[in-house]
Amino acid sequence: MQIQITNLLESYIEDIEDTELAVLLSGGVDSLSVAFAADRVGKRIKAYSFRLDLHDNYDNEKAKQTATEFGWPHRECVVDTTNLVEDFLILAKDYQCQKKTHFECVYPFLYVYPHIEERGVLTGWGADGYYGVSKKANIHYKHTKEKFDEFRNDYFKEKNTAGLIWHNRLADSYDKKHYTPYLDVRIKNFFYEKDWYELNRPMQKHHVRSGYSTELNRIYGAKLHANLQLESGVDKVFETLLENKKINHKNRTRVMDLCRDWKCYTNPIL
C-alpha cells in the first residue's frame, strides 16, 4: 500500500498530546493542510492570521473564509506598523535575527503570539523547502534529482529553513510549543524519494492538494506559492527603514544590508 502524505500528517498531529491547538493559518496549501489534518483527527483548533494596519491581504482573508467554513474560532491580529523601529530593535536584540528573511518573517508574529491562548502552535513551516517552488530552484535545481536534493539539503540546514530558529525563539518566549509536522523525518523521507517533477506535476504540490481536495474544494482551492512577507506587504514596510538614520546608520540602499549590520547585536550605534 502506497504511503499518502495525508496519513503522515495526520499521524504526526494525532500523536500531539495537546487536544487544543493554535494554527497559524494563511491561504497557502501548507498551513491549510496541517489545519485540515488536525481537524480530521479530532483536534480542537483555533486559527490565527494577521494583516498590517495599512491594508488587508489574501492570506488573512482566506484564513477567515476557511475558519468560517469549517466552524473554527479565528483571531485576526493587526500589525501596528507605527512601531516598526522599536520592533526592529526587539527582533535584533531579543531574538537575534540576522538576515532580512529572519526579520521579515518573524516580525508579524510579534503581534500574533500575544493573542495565542493555546499551548501548542501548529504550522506548515518548512514545507516549501521540499518542492523547489522558488525562482532560484526553478532555474538552477529542478532538472535532475541530484541538483534538486542539493537545493533541499541547503534549505534544511539548521540556520536556514525559513528562519525556523528565530520563530522558535519567539514561541519559546511566550511558553508555546511550536509543532512542525513537515519537518518530521517520516514526512521528509516521503518528499525526498521524489524529484521536482513528481512533486509539482500535474500541479504544484499536487500530493497534498489531492489528499485534501475535499476540504480545498469547500474553500474554492488555495493559492500557489507566495512568500509570506511579499504577500502581506511586510517587505514594503521594511523598506521604510532605509530612511531611518537610527536603524540605517550606515546609509545602506538595500534592506538586506541594513539587517546584516545588526547581525551581532551588542552596542548599537544610536
Protein backbone atom coordinates (compact mmCIF):
# COMPACT_ATOMS: atom_id res chain seq x y z
CA MET A 1 0.00 0.00 0.00
CA GLN A 2 1.44 3.36 -1.03
CA ILE A 3 2.02 5.82 1.79
CA GLN A 4 -0.04 9.00 1.46
CA ILE A 5 1.10 12.39 2.72
CA THR A 6 -2.27 12.79 4.43
CA ASN A 7 -1.61 9.69 6.56
CA LEU A 8 1.76 11.02 7.64
CA LEU A 9 0.49 14.48 8.53
CA GLU A 10 -2.46 13.11 10.44
CA SER A 11 -0.34 10.55 12.28
CA TYR A 12 2.06 13.26 13.45
CA ILE A 13 -0.72 15.54 14.66
CA GLU A 14 -2.71 12.75 16.27
CA ASP A 15 0.34 11.97 18.44
CA ILE A 16 0.45 15.52 19.82
CA GLU A 17 -0.65 15.45 23.45
CA ASP A 18 -2.49 18.76 23.27
CA THR A 19 -6.15 18.41 22.33
CA GLU A 20 -6.45 22.13 21.62
CA LEU A 21 -4.08 23.69 19.09
CA ALA A 22 -3.48 27.11 17.63
CA VAL A 23 -2.92 27.06 13.87
CA LEU A 24 -1.05 29.87 12.16
CA LEU A 25 -3.25 29.92 9.10
CA SER A 26 -2.75 31.51 5.69
CA GLY A 27 -4.12 31.00 2.21
CA GLY A 28 -1.37 28.61 1.21
CA VAL A 29 -1.72 24.86 0.95
CA ASP A 30 0.96 24.17 3.60
CA SER A 31 -0.80 25.76 6.57
CA LEU A 32 -4.20 24.73 5.25
CA SER A 33 -3.09 21.10 5.05
CA VAL A 34 -2.00 20.92 8.69
CA ALA A 35 -5.25 22.56 9.76
CA PHE A 36 -7.26 20.03 7.74
CA ALA A 37 -5.17 17.19 9.17
CA ALA A 38 -5.75 18.42 12.72
CA ASP A 39 -9.45 18.70 12.05
CA ARG A 40 -9.60 15.18 10.64
CA VAL A 41 -8.01 13.63 13.74
CA GLY A 42 -10.31 15.49 16.10
CA LYS A 43 -8.11 18.25 17.47
CA ARG A 44 -9.89 21.42 18.55
CA ILE A 45 -8.19 24.18 16.65
CA LYS A 46 -8.27 27.94 16.64
CA ALA A 47 -6.98 29.77 13.59
CA TYR A 48 -4.76 32.84 13.85
CA SER A 49 -3.85 35.11 10.96
CA PHE A 50 -2.53 38.63 10.57
CA ARG A 51 -2.73 41.73 8.47
CA LEU A 52 -0.89 45.02 8.51
CA ASP A 53 -2.76 48.05 9.83
CA LEU A 54 -2.22 49.59 6.39
CA HIS A 55 -4.31 47.12 4.39
CA ASP A 56 -5.69 43.58 4.30
CA ASN A 57 -4.10 40.67 2.44
CA TYR A 58 -5.13 37.47 0.69
CA ASP A 59 -3.79 35.17 3.42
CA ASN A 60 -5.80 36.84 6.15
CA GLU A 61 -8.98 36.84 4.07
CA LYS A 62 -8.52 33.17 3.14
CA ALA A 63 -7.90 32.24 6.76
CA LYS A 64 -11.13 33.95 7.81
CA GLN A 65 -13.05 32.26 4.98
CA THR A 66 -11.65 28.84 5.89
CA ALA A 67 -12.32 29.23 9.60
CA THR A 68 -15.91 30.26 8.88
CA GLU A 69 -16.47 27.35 6.50
CA PHE A 70 -15.16 24.76 8.96
CA GLY A 71 -16.52 26.34 12.13
CA TRP A 72 -13.14 27.05 13.70
CA PRO A 73 -12.67 30.00 16.05
CA HIS A 74 -10.49 32.63 14.41
CA ARG A 75 -8.41 35.56 15.64
CA GLU A 76 -7.32 38.32 13.27
CA CYS A 77 -4.16 40.01 14.57
CA VAL A 78 -3.32 43.50 13.36
CA VAL A 79 0.32 44.55 12.99
CA ASP A 80 0.95 48.09 14.20
CA THR A 81 3.43 49.37 11.64
CA THR A 82 3.94 52.64 13.53
CA ASN A 83 6.07 50.64 15.98
CA LEU A 84 8.38 49.33 13.26
CA VAL A 85 11.60 50.88 14.60
CA GLU A 86 11.01 49.56 18.12
CA ASP A 87 10.01 46.17 16.73
CA PHE A 88 13.14 46.00 14.58
CA LEU A 89 15.27 46.56 17.67
CA ILE A 90 13.37 43.83 19.52
CA LEU A 91 13.99 41.42 16.65
CA ALA A 92 17.68 42.26 16.67
CA LYS A 93 18.23 42.32 20.44
CA ASP A 94 15.78 39.82 21.90
CA TYR A 95 15.60 37.29 19.06
CA GLN A 96 19.00 37.84 17.38
CA CYS A 97 17.61 37.99 13.85
CA GLN A 98 20.46 38.09 11.35
CA LYS A 99 19.13 38.12 7.80
CA LYS A 100 16.41 40.05 6.03
CA THR A 101 14.23 36.93 5.86
CA HIS A 102 14.59 36.39 9.61
CA PHE A 103 13.49 39.93 10.43
CA GLU A 104 10.61 40.00 7.94
CA CYS A 105 9.27 36.50 8.64
CA VAL A 106 9.28 36.84 12.44
CA TYR A 107 8.11 40.47 12.55
CA PRO A 108 4.34 39.97 12.06
CA PHE A 109 4.23 37.20 14.65
CA LEU A 110 5.27 39.69 17.31
CA TYR A 111 1.60 40.68 17.02
CA VAL A 112 0.20 37.16 16.86
CA TYR A 113 1.81 35.33 19.78
CA PRO A 114 0.47 37.68 22.49
CA HIS A 115 -3.05 36.61 21.46
CA ILE A 116 -2.49 32.86 21.30
CA GLU A 117 -4.34 31.10 24.10
CA GLU A 118 -3.37 27.51 23.33
CA ARG A 119 -0.08 25.96 24.45
CA GLY A 120 0.61 24.19 21.15
CA VAL A 121 1.10 26.15 17.92
CA LEU A 122 0.77 24.19 14.67
CA THR A 123 2.25 25.45 11.40
CA GLY A 124 3.15 24.29 7.90
CA TRP A 125 6.70 25.50 8.48
CA GLY A 126 9.33 24.08 6.14
CA ALA A 127 7.02 22.55 3.56
CA ASP A 128 8.12 24.89 0.79
CA GLY A 129 11.65 23.53 1.01
CA TYR A 130 10.60 20.16 -0.39
CA TYR A 131 9.07 21.47 -3.59
CA GLY A 132 11.61 23.89 -5.04
CA VAL A 133 8.99 26.47 -5.98
CA SER A 134 11.30 29.48 -5.82
CA LYS A 135 12.64 31.18 -8.92
CA LYS A 136 16.15 30.08 -7.99
CA ALA A 137 15.13 26.42 -7.74
CA ASN A 138 13.18 26.51 -10.98
CA ILE A 139 16.10 27.92 -12.93
CA HIS A 140 19.03 26.04 -11.42
CA TYR A 141 17.96 22.98 -9.45
CA LYS A 142 14.83 21.24 -10.70
CA HIS A 143 16.19 19.39 -13.73
CA THR A 144 17.92 16.47 -12.00
CA LYS A 145 17.21 14.85 -8.67
CA GLU A 146 20.85 15.25 -7.67
CA LYS A 147 20.66 19.03 -8.09
CA PHE A 148 17.21 19.10 -6.54
CA ASP A 149 18.48 17.30 -3.45
CA GLU A 150 21.37 19.74 -3.27
CA PHE A 151 18.87 22.59 -3.14
CA ARG A 152 16.77 20.88 -0.49
CA ASN A 153 19.75 19.95 1.66
CA ASP A 154 20.81 23.58 1.73
CA TYR A 155 17.28 24.75 2.57
CA PHE A 156 17.07 22.41 5.54
CA LYS A 157 20.38 23.38 7.10
CA GLU A 158 19.86 24.40 10.70
CA LYS A 159 20.35 28.11 10.11
CA ASN A 160 18.14 28.21 7.05
CA THR A 161 14.67 26.59 6.96
CA ALA A 162 12.89 29.92 6.54
CA GLY A 163 14.07 31.33 9.85
CA LEU A 164 12.76 28.49 12.00
CA ILE A 165 15.28 29.09 14.78
CA TRP A 166 14.15 32.67 15.18
CA HIS A 167 10.46 31.83 15.08
CA ASN A 168 11.04 29.20 17.75
CA ARG A 169 12.73 31.80 19.95
CA LEU A 170 9.59 33.88 19.74
CA ALA A 171 7.38 30.88 20.52
CA ASP A 172 9.57 29.95 23.48
CA SER A 173 9.37 33.48 24.87
CA TYR A 174 5.60 33.01 25.16
CA ASP A 175 5.97 29.49 26.56
CA LYS A 176 4.47 27.93 23.45
CA LYS A 177 5.35 24.62 21.80
CA HIS A 178 5.80 25.03 18.04
CA TYR A 179 4.72 21.89 16.18
CA THR A 180 6.08 21.48 12.64
CA PRO A 181 4.73 18.31 11.00
CA TYR A 182 6.56 18.93 7.73
CA LEU A 183 9.91 18.67 9.50
CA ASP A 184 9.16 15.18 10.81
CA VAL A 185 11.61 12.61 9.43
CA ARG A 186 8.84 10.42 8.01
CA ILE A 187 7.47 13.32 6.00
CA LYS A 188 10.94 14.38 4.95
CA ASN A 189 11.60 10.86 3.63
CA PHE A 190 8.31 10.93 1.72
CA PHE A 191 9.35 14.05 -0.18
CA TYR A 192 13.00 13.14 -0.65
CA GLU A 193 12.01 9.97 -2.51
CA LYS A 194 10.57 12.16 -5.26
CA ASP A 195 12.08 14.51 -7.79
CA TRP A 196 10.84 18.00 -8.67
CA TYR A 197 8.50 16.80 -11.40
CA GLU A 198 6.89 14.13 -9.25
CA LEU A 199 6.07 16.75 -6.62
CA ASN A 200 4.87 19.55 -8.91
CA ARG A 201 3.17 17.79 -11.80
CA PRO A 202 0.37 17.84 -12.83
CA MET A 203 0.01 20.73 -10.37
CA GLN A 204 2.20 22.44 -7.80
CA LYS A 205 2.28 20.46 -4.52
CA HIS A 206 -0.19 18.03 -6.02
CA HIS A 207 0.17 15.24 -3.42
CA VAL A 208 -1.15 17.48 -0.66
CA ARG A 209 -3.69 19.19 -2.91
CA SER A 210 -5.05 15.80 -3.98
CA GLY A 211 -5.07 14.41 -0.45
CA TYR A 212 -7.10 17.34 0.87
CA SER A 213 -9.09 18.04 -2.28
CA THR A 214 -12.41 17.63 -0.48
CA GLU A 215 -11.56 20.34 2.02
CA LEU A 216 -9.90 22.58 -0.57
CA ASN A 217 -12.95 22.41 -2.80
CA ARG A 218 -15.07 23.74 0.05
CA ILE A 219 -12.99 26.93 0.11
CA TYR A 220 -12.50 27.11 -3.67
CA GLY A 221 -8.90 25.99 -3.60
CA ALA A 222 -5.66 27.52 -2.36
CA LYS A 223 -3.21 29.89 -3.97
CA LEU A 224 0.10 28.91 -5.49
CA HIS A 225 3.28 29.57 -3.54
CA ALA A 226 3.95 33.13 -2.40
CA ASN A 227 6.35 34.36 0.26
CA LEU A 228 4.67 35.43 3.50
CA GLN A 229 6.44 38.76 3.60
CA LEU A 230 5.66 39.61 -0.01
CA GLU A 231 2.02 38.60 0.15
CA SER A 232 1.36 40.59 3.30
CA GLY A 233 3.36 43.69 2.33
CA VAL A 234 5.92 43.33 5.13
CA ASP A 235 8.76 43.76 2.63
CA LYS A 236 7.44 47.20 1.62
CA VAL A 237 7.12 48.29 5.22
CA PHE A 238 10.72 47.29 5.91
CA GLU A 239 11.92 49.41 3.01
CA THR A 240 10.89 52.48 5.00
CA LEU A 241 13.68 51.67 7.45
CA LEU A 242 16.18 52.80 4.82
CA GLU A 243 15.08 56.36 5.56
CA ASN A 244 15.53 55.96 9.32
CA LYS A 245 19.00 57.04 10.46
CA LYS A 246 18.53 55.37 13.83
CA ILE A 247 18.38 51.99 12.13
CA ASN A 248 20.18 52.65 8.85
CA HIS A 249 23.26 54.24 10.40
CA LYS A 250 25.49 53.09 7.52
CA ASN A 251 23.30 54.60 4.80
CA ARG A 252 22.53 51.29 3.15
CA THR A 253 20.42 51.19 -0.02
CA ARG A 254 19.19 47.63 0.46
CA VAL A 255 17.26 46.23 3.41
CA MET A 256 19.30 43.02 3.35
CA ASP A 257 22.48 45.00 4.03
CA LEU A 258 20.79 47.04 6.75
CA CYS A 259 19.72 43.84 8.52
CA ARG A 260 23.23 42.39 8.32
CA ASP A 261 24.56 45.49 10.07
CA TRP A 262 22.59 44.35 13.12
CA LYS A 263 23.69 40.72 12.90
CA CYS A 264 25.60 40.72 16.18
CA TYR A 265 23.66 42.97 18.49
CA THR A 266 25.93 44.32 21.21
CA ASN A 267 26.07 48.11 21.47
CA PRO A 268 24.12 49.56 18.54
CA ILE A 269 25.01 52.91 17.12
CA LEU A 270 22.10 55.09 18.21
